[in-house]
Protein backbone atom coordinates (compact mmCIF):
# COMPACT_ATOMS: atom_id res chain seq x y z
CA UNK A 1 115.53 136.22 97.34
CA UNK A 2 115.57 136.06 93.55
CA UNK A 3 111.77 136.27 93.40
CA UNK A 4 111.81 139.90 94.62
CA UNK A 5 113.49 140.99 91.40
CA UNK A 6 110.47 139.90 89.38
CA UNK A 7 107.75 141.46 91.52
CA UNK A 8 107.48 144.45 89.17
CA UNK A 9 106.02 142.26 86.43
CA UNK A 10 102.93 141.60 88.54
CA UNK A 11 102.10 145.32 88.69
CA UNK A 12 102.14 145.89 84.95
CA UNK A 13 98.70 147.11 83.78
CA UNK A 14 97.81 143.98 81.79
CA UNK A 15 99.08 141.62 84.48
CA UNK A 16 97.23 143.48 87.22
CA UNK A 17 94.01 143.52 85.21
CA UNK A 18 94.24 139.76 84.63
CA UNK A 19 95.00 139.17 88.29
CA UNK A 20 91.96 141.19 89.41
CA UNK A 21 89.71 139.60 86.79
CA UNK A 22 90.89 136.08 87.65
CA UNK A 23 90.40 136.67 91.37
CA UNK A 24 86.88 138.11 91.12
CA UNK A 25 85.85 135.62 88.44
CA UNK A 26 87.26 132.75 90.48
CA UNK A 27 85.27 133.77 93.54
CA UNK A 28 82.07 133.81 91.46
CA UNK A 29 82.84 130.49 89.77
CA UNK A 30 83.82 128.91 93.07
CA UNK A 31 80.55 129.97 94.69
CA UNK A 32 78.58 128.34 91.86
CA UNK A 33 77.75 124.70 92.69
CA UNK A 34 79.24 122.32 90.15
CA UNK A 35 82.03 124.60 88.92
CA UNK A 36 85.10 123.15 90.63
CA UNK A 37 88.58 124.78 90.58
CA UNK A 38 89.68 122.20 88.01
CA UNK A 39 86.80 123.07 85.69
CA UNK A 40 87.30 126.82 86.21
CA UNK A 41 90.97 126.66 85.23
CA UNK A 42 90.20 124.38 82.28
CA UNK A 43 87.55 126.80 80.99
CA UNK A 44 90.05 129.67 81.11
CA UNK A 45 92.89 127.95 79.24
CA UNK A 46 91.57 128.91 75.75
CA UNK A 47 91.64 132.58 76.83
CA UNK A 48 95.40 132.33 77.44
CA UNK A 49 96.33 131.36 73.87
CA UNK A 50 96.85 134.97 72.78
CA UNK A 51 98.54 136.01 76.03
CA UNK A 52 102.20 135.84 76.93
CA UNK A 53 103.19 132.81 79.05
CA UNK A 54 103.51 134.92 82.23
CA UNK A 55 100.16 136.67 81.73
CA UNK A 56 98.40 133.41 80.90
CA UNK A 57 99.70 131.76 84.07
CA UNK A 58 98.70 134.79 86.15
CA UNK A 59 95.09 134.41 84.99
CA UNK A 60 95.06 130.65 85.65
CA UNK A 61 96.78 130.97 89.03
CA UNK A 62 94.40 133.68 90.23
CA UNK A 63 91.39 131.59 89.21
CA UNK A 64 92.85 128.50 90.95
CA UNK A 65 93.42 130.32 94.23
CA UNK A 66 90.14 132.20 94.43
CA UNK A 67 87.94 129.34 93.20
CA UNK A 68 89.12 127.13 96.06
CA UNK A 69 88.20 129.87 98.54
CA UNK A 70 85.00 130.85 96.70
CA UNK A 71 83.59 127.36 97.16
CA UNK A 72 83.12 128.22 100.83
CA UNK A 73 80.35 130.69 99.96
CA UNK A 74 77.87 128.06 98.76
CA UNK A 75 79.14 125.59 101.37
CA UNK A 76 78.33 128.00 104.19
CA UNK A 77 75.13 129.59 102.90
CA UNK A 78 73.52 126.68 101.02
CA UNK A 79 75.36 123.63 102.37
CA UNK A 80 76.41 122.83 98.81
CA UNK A 81 80.23 122.61 98.77
CA UNK A 82 81.54 124.44 95.73
CA UNK A 83 84.22 121.74 95.40
CA UNK A 84 85.30 118.61 97.29
CA UNK A 85 87.84 120.80 99.12
CA UNK A 86 84.95 122.67 100.80
CA UNK A 87 83.11 119.66 102.22
CA UNK A 88 84.44 120.14 105.75
CA UNK A 89 83.63 123.87 105.61
CA UNK A 90 79.94 123.07 105.23
CA UNK A 91 79.83 121.00 108.43
CA UNK A 92 80.12 123.98 110.79
CA UNK A 93 79.81 126.87 108.35
CA UNK A 94 76.23 126.11 107.39
CA UNK A 95 75.24 125.68 111.02
CA UNK A 96 76.64 129.14 111.70
CA UNK A 97 74.63 130.53 108.77
CA UNK A 98 71.45 128.93 110.13
CA UNK A 99 72.11 130.72 113.41
CA UNK A 100 72.35 134.07 111.61
CA UNK A 101 76.16 134.14 111.59
CA UNK A 102 76.75 133.68 107.87
CA UNK A 103 78.79 136.89 107.57
CA UNK A 104 80.99 135.84 110.48
CA UNK A 105 81.55 132.40 108.95
CA UNK A 106 82.47 133.95 105.58
CA UNK A 107 84.86 136.42 107.22
CA UNK A 108 86.61 133.59 109.04
CA UNK A 109 86.76 131.39 105.95
CA UNK A 110 88.36 134.06 103.74
CA UNK A 111 90.81 135.20 106.42
CA UNK A 112 91.85 131.61 107.15
CA UNK A 113 92.13 130.88 103.41
CA UNK A 114 94.32 133.93 102.92
CA UNK A 115 96.69 133.09 105.79
CA UNK A 116 96.96 129.44 104.79
CA UNK A 117 97.39 130.39 101.13
CA UNK A 118 100.17 132.91 101.79
CA UNK A 119 102.10 130.38 103.89
CA UNK A 120 101.63 127.76 101.18
CA UNK A 121 103.01 130.08 98.48
CA UNK A 122 105.96 131.05 100.72
CA UNK A 123 106.78 127.35 101.06
CA UNK A 124 106.70 127.14 97.27
CA UNK A 125 109.10 130.10 97.01
CA UNK A 126 111.69 129.18 99.63
CA UNK A 127 111.64 125.38 99.90
CA UNK A 128 110.92 124.15 96.37
CA UNK A 129 114.18 122.15 95.85
CA UNK A 130 113.93 120.42 99.23
CA UNK A 131 110.21 119.75 99.00
CA UNK A 132 110.51 118.41 95.46
CA UNK A 133 112.85 115.66 96.63
CA UNK A 134 110.52 114.87 99.51
CA UNK A 135 107.51 114.64 97.19
CA UNK A 136 109.47 112.32 94.91
CA UNK A 137 109.81 109.83 97.79
CA UNK A 138 106.09 108.97 97.55
CA UNK A 139 105.42 105.87 95.50
CA UNK A 140 102.27 103.76 95.00
CA UNK A 141 102.63 102.03 98.39
CA UNK A 142 102.83 105.36 100.23
CA UNK A 143 99.90 106.83 98.31
CA UNK A 144 97.89 103.69 99.11
CA UNK A 145 98.55 104.12 102.84
CA UNK A 146 97.76 107.83 102.57
CA UNK A 147 94.36 106.94 101.11
CA UNK A 148 93.79 104.32 103.82
CA UNK A 149 94.72 106.92 106.45
CA UNK A 150 92.01 109.15 105.02
CA UNK A 151 89.56 106.24 105.18
CA UNK A 152 90.32 105.72 108.89
CA UNK A 153 89.10 109.25 109.57
CA UNK A 154 85.66 108.24 108.38
CA UNK A 155 84.52 106.78 111.69
CA UNK A 156 84.69 110.05 113.60
CA UNK A 157 83.85 112.51 110.82
CA UNK A 158 80.56 114.34 111.33
CA UNK A 159 78.89 111.30 112.88
CA UNK A 160 77.57 110.55 116.35
CA UNK A 161 78.34 106.85 115.88
CA UNK A 162 81.74 105.39 115.03
CA UNK A 163 80.13 102.33 113.41
CA UNK A 164 77.66 104.36 111.34
CA UNK A 165 80.50 106.61 110.20
CA UNK A 166 82.46 103.58 108.98
CA UNK A 167 79.38 102.14 107.28
CA UNK A 168 78.80 105.47 105.49
CA UNK A 169 82.39 105.41 104.31
CA UNK A 170 82.03 101.81 103.09
CA UNK A 171 78.99 102.82 101.04
CA UNK A 172 81.13 105.57 99.50
CA UNK A 173 83.93 103.09 98.75
CA UNK A 174 81.43 100.81 97.01
CA UNK A 175 80.03 103.71 94.97
CA UNK A 176 83.58 104.53 93.84
CA UNK A 177 83.86 101.10 92.16
CA UNK A 178 80.89 101.73 89.86
CA UNK A 179 81.89 102.08 86.21
CA UNK A 180 84.65 100.54 84.10
CA UNK A 181 87.73 99.24 85.88
CA UNK A 182 90.67 101.40 84.76
CA UNK A 183 93.12 98.50 84.90
CA UNK A 184 91.14 95.61 83.38
CA UNK A 185 88.52 97.52 81.39
CA UNK A 186 85.57 95.51 82.69
CA UNK A 187 82.27 97.06 83.84
CA UNK A 188 81.37 96.94 87.52
CA UNK A 189 77.86 97.57 88.88
CA UNK A 190 76.84 99.40 85.69
CA UNK A 191 73.07 99.22 86.07
CA UNK A 192 72.36 102.00 83.56
CA UNK A 193 74.12 103.85 80.74
CA UNK A 194 74.53 106.90 82.98
CA UNK A 195 76.86 104.85 85.22
CA UNK A 196 79.21 103.72 82.44
CA UNK A 197 81.79 106.37 83.34
CA UNK A 198 81.29 105.94 87.06
CA UNK A 199 79.77 108.41 89.49
CA UNK A 200 80.95 111.96 88.90
CA UNK A 201 82.22 113.38 92.17
CA UNK A 202 80.69 116.84 91.63
CA UNK A 203 77.24 115.42 90.88
CA UNK A 204 77.55 113.14 93.92
CA UNK A 205 78.66 116.04 96.10
CA UNK A 206 75.68 118.16 95.12
CA UNK A 207 73.21 115.32 95.51
CA UNK A 208 74.44 114.09 98.88
CA UNK A 209 74.49 117.54 100.47
CA UNK A 210 71.85 119.59 98.64
CA UNK A 211 68.96 117.22 97.94
CA UNK A 212 68.45 116.02 101.56
CA UNK A 213 68.37 119.67 102.61
CA UNK A 214 65.76 120.51 99.96
CA UNK A 215 63.63 117.50 100.93
CA UNK A 216 63.86 118.51 104.58
CA UNK A 217 62.64 122.00 103.68
CA UNK A 218 59.67 120.65 101.73
CA UNK A 219 58.88 118.12 104.47
CA UNK A 220 58.25 120.88 107.02
CA UNK A 221 54.97 121.85 105.39
CA UNK A 222 53.77 124.90 103.51
CA UNK A 223 52.58 126.86 106.55
CA UNK A 224 55.86 126.55 108.45
CA UNK A 225 57.93 127.23 105.36
CA UNK A 226 56.13 130.49 104.66
CA UNK A 227 57.25 132.12 107.90
CA UNK A 228 60.65 130.62 108.59
CA UNK A 229 63.51 133.06 108.07
CA UNK A 230 66.98 133.52 109.49
CA UNK A 231 68.01 136.86 110.93
CA UNK A 232 71.46 137.87 109.73
CA UNK A 233 73.70 139.17 112.50
CA UNK A 234 76.06 141.95 111.46
CA UNK A 235 79.65 141.13 112.20
CA UNK A 236 82.63 143.48 112.37
CA UNK A 237 85.76 142.56 110.46
CA UNK A 238 87.90 143.52 113.47
CA UNK A 239 86.07 140.92 115.55
CA UNK A 240 86.79 138.26 112.92
CA UNK A 241 90.49 139.20 112.82
CA UNK A 242 90.64 138.91 116.61
CA UNK A 243 88.91 135.53 116.48
CA UNK A 244 91.43 134.27 113.91
CA UNK A 245 94.21 135.38 116.25
CA UNK A 246 92.67 133.41 119.12
CA UNK A 247 92.26 130.29 116.97
CA UNK A 248 95.95 129.61 116.51
CA UNK A 249 95.59 125.87 117.06
CA UNK A 250 93.00 125.36 114.31
CA UNK A 251 94.85 127.69 111.92
CA UNK A 252 98.19 125.97 112.50
CA UNK A 253 96.81 122.45 112.13
CA UNK A 254 94.95 123.37 108.95
CA UNK A 255 97.95 125.11 107.38
CA UNK A 256 100.43 122.34 108.20
CA UNK A 257 98.17 119.51 107.05
CA UNK A 258 97.15 121.37 103.89
CA UNK A 259 100.79 122.05 103.00
CA UNK A 260 101.81 118.42 103.51
CA UNK A 261 98.88 116.95 101.57
CA UNK A 262 99.41 119.47 98.74
CA UNK A 263 102.93 118.12 98.28
CA UNK A 264 101.84 114.52 97.83
CA UNK A 265 101.34 113.94 94.08
CA UNK A 266 97.96 112.51 93.14
CA UNK A 267 96.18 113.02 96.46
CA UNK A 268 95.06 116.59 95.81
CA UNK A 269 93.19 119.00 98.01
CA UNK A 270 89.97 117.00 98.19
CA UNK A 271 90.94 115.50 101.50
CA UNK A 272 93.06 118.35 102.92
CA UNK A 273 90.11 120.16 104.52
CA UNK A 274 88.57 116.94 105.83
CA UNK A 275 91.81 115.68 107.39
CA UNK A 276 92.51 119.09 108.95
CA UNK A 277 88.96 119.31 110.29
CA UNK A 278 89.19 115.83 111.79
CA UNK A 279 92.56 116.42 113.45
CA UNK A 280 91.51 119.82 114.81
CA UNK A 281 88.42 118.23 116.32
CA UNK A 282 90.45 115.43 117.89
CA UNK A 283 92.94 117.86 119.44
CA UNK A 284 90.32 120.37 120.60
CA UNK A 285 89.09 120.52 124.21
CA UNK A 286 85.65 121.37 122.76
CA UNK A 287 85.03 118.30 120.58
CA UNK A 288 81.28 118.36 121.19
CA UNK A 289 80.96 121.82 119.59
CA UNK A 290 82.17 120.64 116.18
CA UNK A 291 79.27 120.17 113.80
CA UNK A 292 77.07 122.61 115.72
CA UNK A 293 78.48 125.84 114.29
CA UNK A 294 81.97 125.96 115.82
CA UNK A 295 84.22 128.58 114.14
CA UNK A 296 87.36 126.46 114.53
CA UNK A 297 85.87 123.91 112.12
CA UNK A 298 85.60 126.57 109.40
CA UNK A 299 89.07 127.96 110.12
CA UNK A 300 90.80 124.57 110.03
CA UNK A 301 89.09 123.46 106.80
CA UNK A 302 89.63 126.68 104.85
CA UNK A 303 93.22 127.26 105.95
CA UNK A 304 94.01 123.70 104.82
CA UNK A 305 92.41 123.77 101.38
CA UNK A 306 94.20 127.01 100.41
CA UNK A 307 97.52 126.10 102.06
CA UNK A 308 97.45 123.13 99.69
CA UNK A 309 97.55 125.34 96.57
CA UNK A 310 101.20 126.48 96.72
CA UNK A 311 102.81 123.14 97.66
CA UNK A 312 100.73 121.31 95.02
CA UNK A 313 102.76 123.24 92.42
CA UNK A 314 106.12 122.05 93.80
CA UNK A 315 106.09 118.59 92.17
CA UNK A 316 104.46 120.13 89.09
CA UNK A 317 107.12 122.75 88.43
CA UNK A 318 110.16 120.64 89.34
CA UNK A 319 109.16 117.06 88.50
CA UNK A 320 106.27 117.47 86.01
CA UNK A 321 104.10 115.56 88.50
CA UNK A 322 100.84 117.43 89.35
CA UNK A 323 100.01 117.47 93.04
CA UNK A 324 96.27 117.90 92.40
CA UNK A 325 93.76 117.63 89.52
CA UNK A 326 93.84 121.41 89.06
CA UNK A 327 97.63 121.37 88.97
CA UNK A 328 97.35 118.82 86.15
CA UNK A 329 95.30 121.33 84.14
CA UNK A 330 97.91 123.99 84.89
CA UNK A 331 100.53 121.63 83.49
CA UNK A 332 98.60 121.73 80.21
CA UNK A 333 98.66 125.51 80.34
CA UNK A 334 102.46 125.45 80.72
CA UNK A 335 102.98 123.01 77.87
CA UNK A 336 100.73 125.01 75.52
CA UNK A 337 103.14 127.94 75.89
CA UNK A 338 106.19 125.75 75.31
CA UNK A 339 107.30 125.69 78.94
CA UNK A 340 108.39 122.25 80.11
CA UNK A 341 108.69 121.77 83.89
CA UNK A 342 111.89 120.33 85.26
CA UNK A 343 114.75 120.87 87.66
CA UNK A 344 116.15 123.72 85.55
CA UNK A 345 112.82 125.47 84.96
CA UNK A 346 113.73 128.39 87.24
CA UNK A 347 116.96 128.89 85.28
CA UNK A 348 115.40 128.66 81.80
CA UNK A 349 112.26 130.77 82.40
CA UNK A 350 112.81 132.75 85.61
CA UNK A 351 110.82 135.79 84.45
CA UNK A 352 107.75 133.64 83.70
CA UNK A 353 107.81 131.37 86.75
CA UNK A 354 108.71 133.99 89.36
CA UNK A 355 106.13 136.43 88.00
CA UNK A 356 103.53 133.65 88.16
CA UNK A 357 104.42 132.71 91.76
CA UNK A 358 104.53 136.36 92.86
CA UNK A 359 101.08 136.91 91.35
CA UNK A 360 99.75 133.99 93.41
CA UNK A 361 101.14 135.61 96.55
CA UNK A 362 99.43 138.90 95.77
CA UNK A 363 96.33 137.03 94.59
CA UNK A 364 95.86 135.54 98.06
CA UNK A 365 95.63 139.05 99.51
CA UNK A 366 93.23 140.25 96.81
CA UNK A 367 91.10 137.16 97.36
CA UNK A 368 90.71 138.06 101.03
CA UNK A 369 89.85 141.70 100.23
CA UNK A 370 87.19 140.89 97.61
CA UNK A 371 85.90 137.92 99.58
CA UNK A 372 85.26 139.98 102.70
CA UNK A 373 83.75 142.74 100.57
CA UNK A 374 81.09 140.38 99.21
CA UNK A 375 80.60 138.52 102.51
CA UNK A 376 77.99 140.88 103.98
CA UNK A 377 75.92 140.93 100.80
CA UNK A 378 76.23 137.19 100.25
CA UNK A 379 75.17 136.42 103.82
CA UNK A 380 71.81 138.06 103.15
CA UNK A 381 70.93 135.00 101.09
CA UNK A 382 70.15 133.29 104.39
CA UNK A 383 67.27 135.74 104.93
CA UNK A 384 65.34 134.40 101.95
CA UNK A 385 62.08 132.61 102.87
CA UNK A 386 62.61 128.86 102.99
CA UNK A 387 60.25 128.03 100.06
CA UNK A 388 62.26 130.34 97.80
CA UNK A 389 65.52 128.99 99.19
CA UNK A 390 64.43 125.38 98.57
CA UNK A 391 63.49 126.12 94.96
CA UNK A 392 66.74 128.04 94.36
CA UNK A 393 68.89 125.26 95.83
CA UNK A 394 67.09 122.65 93.71
CA UNK A 395 67.63 124.71 90.52
CA UNK A 396 71.31 125.22 91.35
CA UNK A 397 71.69 121.50 92.09
CA UNK A 398 70.26 120.52 88.71
CA UNK A 399 72.27 123.20 86.87
CA UNK A 400 75.50 122.29 88.66
CA UNK A 401 75.13 118.56 88.02
CA UNK A 402 74.27 119.03 84.34
CA UNK A 403 77.05 121.55 83.67
CA UNK A 404 79.86 119.16 84.60
CA UNK A 405 79.51 116.93 81.54
CA UNK A 406 76.33 118.30 79.90
CA UNK A 407 74.65 115.01 80.78
CA UNK A 408 71.18 114.39 82.16
CA UNK A 409 72.56 111.10 83.45
CA UNK A 410 74.53 113.06 86.06
CA UNK A 411 71.32 114.82 87.09
CA UNK A 412 69.52 111.50 87.59
CA UNK A 413 72.46 110.12 89.60
CA UNK A 414 72.53 113.29 91.70
CA UNK A 415 68.81 113.03 92.50
CA UNK A 416 69.01 109.31 93.27
CA UNK A 417 71.96 109.74 95.62
CA UNK A 418 70.24 112.67 97.31
CA UNK A 419 67.04 110.71 97.96
CA UNK A 420 69.07 107.80 99.29
CA UNK A 421 71.08 110.12 101.56
CA UNK A 422 67.87 111.66 102.89
CA UNK A 423 66.71 108.19 103.95
CA UNK A 424 70.10 107.34 105.50
CA UNK A 425 70.16 110.58 107.51
CA UNK A 426 66.93 109.50 109.20
CA UNK A 427 68.88 106.56 110.66
CA UNK A 428 71.83 108.69 111.85
CA UNK A 429 74.17 108.29 108.87
CA UNK A 430 76.14 111.26 107.55
CA UNK A 431 77.06 112.50 104.07
CA UNK A 432 80.65 113.58 104.80
CA UNK A 433 82.08 110.07 105.47
CA UNK A 434 80.28 108.76 102.39
CA UNK A 435 81.81 111.45 100.16
CA UNK A 436 85.26 110.83 101.64
CA UNK A 437 84.95 107.14 100.80
CA UNK A 438 83.85 108.03 97.25
CA UNK A 439 86.89 110.29 96.79
CA UNK A 440 89.49 108.01 98.32
CA UNK A 441 88.28 104.75 96.77
CA UNK A 442 89.86 105.24 93.31
CA UNK A 443 93.11 106.55 94.85
CA UNK A 444 93.46 103.53 97.14
CA UNK A 445 92.50 101.01 94.45
CA UNK A 446 94.74 102.39 91.69
CA UNK A 447 97.80 102.64 93.91
CA UNK A 448 97.22 99.20 95.43
CA UNK A 449 97.07 97.60 91.98
CA UNK A 450 100.14 99.51 90.77
CA UNK A 451 101.98 98.67 93.98
CA UNK A 452 101.09 94.98 93.65
CA UNK A 453 102.47 94.89 90.11
CA UNK A 454 105.73 96.47 91.27
CA UNK A 455 105.86 94.19 94.32
CA UNK A 456 105.50 91.03 92.20
CA UNK A 457 108.58 92.10 90.23
CA UNK A 458 110.56 92.79 93.41
CA UNK A 459 110.59 91.17 96.87
CA UNK A 460 106.85 90.58 97.24
CA UNK A 461 103.85 92.59 98.56
CA UNK A 462 104.78 92.37 102.24
CA UNK A 463 108.20 93.95 101.78
CA UNK A 464 106.92 96.55 99.33
CA UNK A 465 103.92 97.74 101.34
CA UNK A 466 105.39 97.41 104.84
CA UNK A 467 109.09 98.05 104.25
CA UNK A 468 110.86 101.38 104.70
CA UNK A 469 110.44 104.09 107.34
CA UNK A 470 107.82 106.08 105.42
CA UNK A 471 105.55 103.04 104.98
CA UNK A 472 105.92 102.14 108.65
CA UNK A 473 105.15 105.70 109.71
CA UNK A 474 101.98 105.77 107.61
CA UNK A 475 100.88 102.34 108.88
CA UNK A 476 101.42 103.53 112.46
CA UNK A 477 99.30 106.61 111.75
CA UNK A 478 96.54 104.41 110.29
CA UNK A 479 96.47 102.14 113.37
CA UNK A 480 96.68 105.13 115.71
CA UNK A 481 93.83 106.91 113.93
CA UNK A 482 91.55 103.86 114.19
CA UNK A 483 92.30 103.36 117.90
CA UNK A 484 91.88 107.03 118.70
CA UNK A 485 88.56 107.29 116.86
CA UNK A 486 87.23 104.15 118.55
CA UNK A 487 88.34 105.08 122.06
CA UNK A 488 87.25 108.71 121.68
CA UNK A 489 83.78 107.67 120.49
CA UNK A 490 83.52 105.14 123.31
CA UNK A 491 84.46 107.78 125.91
CA UNK A 492 81.91 110.25 124.49
CA UNK A 493 79.15 107.63 124.64
CA UNK A 494 80.10 106.74 128.23
CA UNK A 495 80.03 110.41 129.25
CA UNK A 496 76.65 110.87 127.57
CA UNK A 497 75.22 107.81 129.31
CA UNK A 498 76.51 109.07 132.65
CA UNK A 499 74.95 112.48 132.07
CA UNK A 500 71.60 110.83 131.34
CA UNK A 501 71.81 108.83 134.56
CA UNK A 502 72.60 111.94 136.59
CA UNK A 503 69.67 113.74 134.97
CA UNK A 504 67.32 110.95 135.95
């Protein structure tokens, strides 16, 4: 209970002001397409140079927490995920917004994020020594199988067809190989200068989700666009709290999966929401409702991507191994102030680290308060006439893509991917599996190559990749996921065919 002795430092005037500013600013940055949590934290690091180590970390931690949650705003209202962690939120959240339930979706997303985030930070506080040793057990072979496990989810993710879902994922895996090979330094599929550095994930995310939506809006015709609006249904906070209480299964699955994935160094929170969404759907008695505006989809995704935040700091603080890209930027913030992570960090700098962790705990609560406060106003965006909405989304898409690297090349890639995705959607393909393949491709490839090098110096690839209980467990999960997705899709198709026969 040592952390309680340092709670007073969070309530100092300067610390509290930084915590409030970081939380509100993070929500705004998170809701802006293209400004990921990693970029938000990186942009704030120069502002910490003149601050004390504890105050600097409070600002960065608050921005990290609230930016992850803030990405749900654009995901729900515009179907433009603020970050890869919010991809799954858009699947049901935007459908709810289109049905006039944007405020309800935002309430649920912030409440789920807050609960998952608090549990994640509590794990960081009470189980850091144990979890650090567990995280250290993951080597290249385990990370490779973790990435492959994510790939196996592709077939059933936001797709009516198992085969089309896998094909979408394979397209994403191919796109992830574009650019220079990190290991051998040779170019692959570099058709233009803009592709030299590969496809930027933020630009791809915006293009694959936003551009097809804009093209669909324009395709409806001027007369229809001029009159189409969405009525925003008012939603009481008490109703949302009750709904969270009744969605224990989705909340639990999201929190557990987010916490586990946050611990695994190098995997990050990009796939936490997607894995949680997929597993919640598989275990739900209402599978058919997912993707049509089902609240449990929003709850599972958002509880997972914020539950990931606390555990992702465990390997960072104790082993100097970042658990996510944003945690890697935080590591830079620590080193700038002369704080070197390690097993004795809590003994050498207890006042800095415990104040930082306590601020993250309080920041989760403030994030929920401010998030719900802006939810009603933000939901009114859905009432905008579709022509105005289409133009606004297109402007945000261009701005978000350009702002990542100040490169028009990213804008061209974003537009090209968006046009291609619009064509693929006409044939029943989905953007979510494609993005998951794009995210997981580099993780799987890098760890496979590293693992192969290690295996050649040891007992060979077979023993290295298939030996040990953790490898076998992950392989079993991969095989089980493939079989479940295939059989589940087959059963759904059979039930649909039977329903059609009965109708005839």
